Amino acid sequence: MDHSTHVRLTEAELTAEMLEGASVFGPDDEDIGFVSHLHGSGSTAQVVIDVGGFLGIGAKQVAVPVSQLQFMRDEEGVVHAVTTWTEDQLKDMPEHVD
């Protein structure tokens, strides 16, 4: 997928309603997880990502700053994120506990 043509979300769009459920793509354009939920909103939010597992079963939740992800909308309006982290790097992070 060529993310260079996708429209970046504005800070005002970095809300739970907009981001929850968004797929997260790693450096090789691999689908590595999805946004479970957020803590806060805007540029200071923490994004909780479900990584690993199958259909949400056995997934690990990790929290990362929203600033470490590039959220965008594709040609069909679907919101997704791109990160430089690999799935293994996310799995190695401390588990998020609500």
C-alpha atoms as a PDB file:
ATOM      1  CA  MET A   1       0.000   0.000   0.000  1.00  0.00           C
ATOM      2  CA  ASP A   2       1.403   3.407  -0.916  1.00  0.00           C
ATOM      3  CA  HIS A   3       0.822   5.510   2.186  1.00  0.00           C
ATOM      4  CA  SER A   4       2.398   8.591   0.598  1.00  0.00           C
ATOM      5  CA  THR A   5      -0.906   9.411  -1.112  1.00  0.00           C
ATOM      6  CA  HIS A   6      -2.981   9.098   2.071  1.00  0.00           C
ATOM      7  CA  VAL A   7      -4.275  12.132   3.930  1.00  0.00           C
ATOM      8  CA  ARG A   8      -2.759  12.602   7.407  1.00  0.00           C
ATOM      9  CA  LEU A   9      -5.221  13.165  10.239  1.00  0.00           C
ATOM     10  CA  THR A  10      -5.157  16.502  12.032  1.00  0.00           C
ATOM     11  CA  GLU A  11      -4.612  16.754  15.785  1.00  0.00           C
ATOM     12  CA  ALA A  12      -8.331  17.471  16.224  1.00  0.00           C
ATOM     13  CA  GLU A  13      -9.123  14.125  14.551  1.00  0.00           C
ATOM     14  CA  LEU A  14      -6.987  12.112  17.010  1.00  0.00           C
ATOM     15  CA  THR A  15      -9.991  10.978  19.040  1.00  0.00           C
ATOM     16  CA  ALA A  16     -11.201   7.595  20.262  1.00  0.00           C
ATOM     17  CA  GLU A  17     -14.153   7.711  17.864  1.00  0.00           C
ATOM     18  CA  MET A  18     -11.815   8.191  14.918  1.00  0.00           C
ATOM     19  CA  LEU A  19      -8.953   5.860  15.890  1.00  0.00           C
ATOM     20  CA  GLU A  20     -10.413   2.850  17.706  1.00  0.00           C
ATOM     21  CA  GLY A  21     -10.287  -0.224  15.498  1.00  0.00           C
ATOM     22  CA  ALA A  22      -7.756   1.288  13.084  1.00  0.00           C
ATOM     23  CA  SER A  23      -5.225  -1.156  11.669  1.00  0.00           C
ATOM     24  CA  VAL A  24      -1.553  -0.528  12.455  1.00  0.00           C
ATOM     25  CA  PHE A  25       1.017  -1.234   9.735  1.00  0.00           C
ATOM     26  CA  GLY A  26       4.710  -1.846  10.402  1.00  0.00           C
ATOM     27  CA  PRO A  27       7.771  -0.846   8.387  1.00  0.00           C
ATOM     28  CA  ASP A  28       7.288  -3.595   5.787  1.00  0.00           C
ATOM     29  CA  ASP A  29       3.617  -2.643   5.374  1.00  0.00           C
ATOM     30  CA  GLU A  30       2.689  -5.688   7.447  1.00  0.00           C
ATOM     31  CA  ASP A  31      -0.573  -5.466   9.419  1.00  0.00           C
ATOM     32  CA  ILE A  32       0.826  -5.793  12.956  1.00  0.00           C
ATOM     33  CA  GLY A  33      -2.156  -4.922  15.138  1.00  0.00           C
ATOM     34  CA  PHE A  34      -5.049  -2.578  15.712  1.00  0.00           C
ATOM     35  CA  VAL A  35      -5.977   0.295  17.990  1.00  0.00           C
ATOM     36  CA  SER A  36      -7.905  -1.078  20.956  1.00  0.00           C
ATOM     37  CA  HIS A  37      -8.533   2.225  22.717  1.00  0.00           C
ATOM     38  CA  LEU A  38      -7.018   5.565  23.714  1.00  0.00           C
ATOM     39  CA  HIS A  39      -6.154   7.319  26.923  1.00  0.00           C
ATOM     40  CA  GLY A  40      -6.624  11.045  26.317  1.00  0.00           C
ATOM     41  CA  SER A  41      -6.960  12.745  22.960  1.00  0.00           C
ATOM     42  CA  GLY A  42      -4.952  14.886  20.580  1.00  0.00           C
ATOM     43  CA  SER A  43      -1.158  14.960  20.486  1.00  0.00           C
ATOM     44  CA  THR A  44      -0.743  13.822  24.116  1.00  0.00           C
ATOM     45  CA  ALA A  45      -2.900  10.689  23.858  1.00  0.00           C
ATOM     46  CA  GLN A  46      -1.638   7.197  24.595  1.00  0.00           C
ATOM     47  CA  VAL A  47      -2.722   4.648  21.992  1.00  0.00           C
ATOM     48  CA  VAL A  48      -3.325   1.096  23.197  1.00  0.00           C
ATOM     49  CA  ILE A  49      -2.520  -1.397  20.443  1.00  0.00           C
ATOM     50  CA  ASP A  50      -3.558  -5.058  20.371  1.00  0.00           C
ATOM     51  CA  VAL A  51      -0.607  -6.885  18.850  1.00  0.00           C
ATOM     52  CA  GLY A  52      -0.245 -10.571  18.023  1.00  0.00           C
ATOM     53  CA  GLY A  53      -2.898 -13.177  18.568  1.00  0.00           C
ATOM     54  CA  PHE A  54      -5.570 -14.197  16.129  1.00  0.00           C
ATOM     55  CA  LEU A  55      -8.849 -12.287  15.825  1.00  0.00           C
ATOM     56  CA  GLY A  56      -8.065 -10.625  19.156  1.00  0.00           C
ATOM     57  CA  ILE A  57      -7.516 -13.922  21.003  1.00  0.00           C
ATOM     58  CA  GLY A  58      -4.112 -14.082  22.662  1.00  0.00           C
ATOM     59  CA  ALA A  59      -3.255 -10.507  21.732  1.00  0.00           C
ATOM     60  CA  LYS A  60      -1.038  -8.387  23.953  1.00  0.00           C
ATOM     61  CA  GLN A  61      -1.946  -4.783  24.649  1.00  0.00           C
ATOM     62  CA  VAL A  62       0.815  -2.173  24.609  1.00  0.00           C
ATOM     63  CA  ALA A  63       0.516   1.590  25.060  1.00  0.00           C
ATOM     64  CA  VAL A  64       2.490   4.011  22.903  1.00  0.00           C
ATOM     65  CA  PRO A  65       2.390   7.796  22.452  1.00  0.00           C
ATOM     66  CA  VAL A  66       0.159   8.860  19.573  1.00  0.00           C
ATOM     67  CA  SER A  67       3.119  10.901  18.300  1.00  0.00           C
ATOM     68  CA  GLN A  68       4.923   7.632  17.466  1.00  0.00           C
ATOM     69  CA  LEU A  69       2.265   6.680  14.919  1.00  0.00           C
ATOM     70  CA  GLN A  70       1.238   8.345  11.687  1.00  0.00           C
ATOM     71  CA  PHE A  71      -2.540   8.221  11.410  1.00  0.00           C
ATOM     72  CA  MET A  72      -4.012   8.687   7.968  1.00  0.00           C
ATOM     73  CA  ARG A  73      -7.042   8.045   5.795  1.00  0.00           C
ATOM     74  CA  ASP A  74      -6.761   6.039   2.572  1.00  0.00           C
ATOM     75  CA  GLU A  75      -8.545   6.689  -0.725  1.00  0.00           C
ATOM     76  CA  GLU A  76     -11.691   4.980   0.608  1.00  0.00           C
ATOM     77  CA  GLY A  77     -11.685   6.987   3.848  1.00  0.00           C
ATOM     78  CA  VAL A  78     -10.454   4.108   6.032  1.00  0.00           C
ATOM     79  CA  VAL A  79      -8.319   5.311   8.953  1.00  0.00           C
ATOM     80  CA  HIS A  80      -5.106   3.403   9.693  1.00  0.00           C
ATOM     81  CA  ALA A  81      -1.707   4.000  11.268  1.00  0.00           C
ATOM     82  CA  VAL A  82       1.876   3.458  10.171  1.00  0.00           C
ATOM     83  CA  THR A  83       4.795   2.946  12.545  1.00  0.00           C
ATOM     84  CA  THR A  84       8.491   2.127  12.342  1.00  0.00           C
ATOM     85  CA  TRP A  85       8.072  -0.571  15.014  1.00  0.00           C
ATOM     86  CA  THR A  86       7.852  -4.203  13.993  1.00  0.00           C
ATOM     87  CA  GLU A  87       5.363  -6.638  15.496  1.00  0.00           C
ATOM     88  CA  ASP A  88       8.169  -8.231  17.530  1.00  0.00           C
ATOM     89  CA  GLN A  89       9.277  -4.852  18.906  1.00  0.00           C
ATOM     90  CA  LEU A  90       5.717  -4.107  20.036  1.00  0.00           C
ATOM     91  CA  LYS A  91       5.420  -7.557  21.610  1.00  0.00           C
ATOM     92  CA  ASP A  92       8.628  -6.867  23.577  1.00  0.00           C
ATOM     93  CA  MET A  93       7.135  -3.723  25.151  1.00  0.00           C
ATOM     94  CA  PRO A  94       5.609  -3.863  28.633  1.00  0.00           C
ATOM     95  CA  GLU A  95       2.025  -5.052  28.644  1.00  0.00           C
ATOM     96  CA  HIS A  96      -0.579  -2.337  29.132  1.00  0.00           C
ATOM     97  CA  VAL A  97      -2.957  -2.865  32.039  1.00  0.00           C
ATOM     98  CA  ASP A  98      -6.011  -0.591  32.357  1.00  0.00           C
END
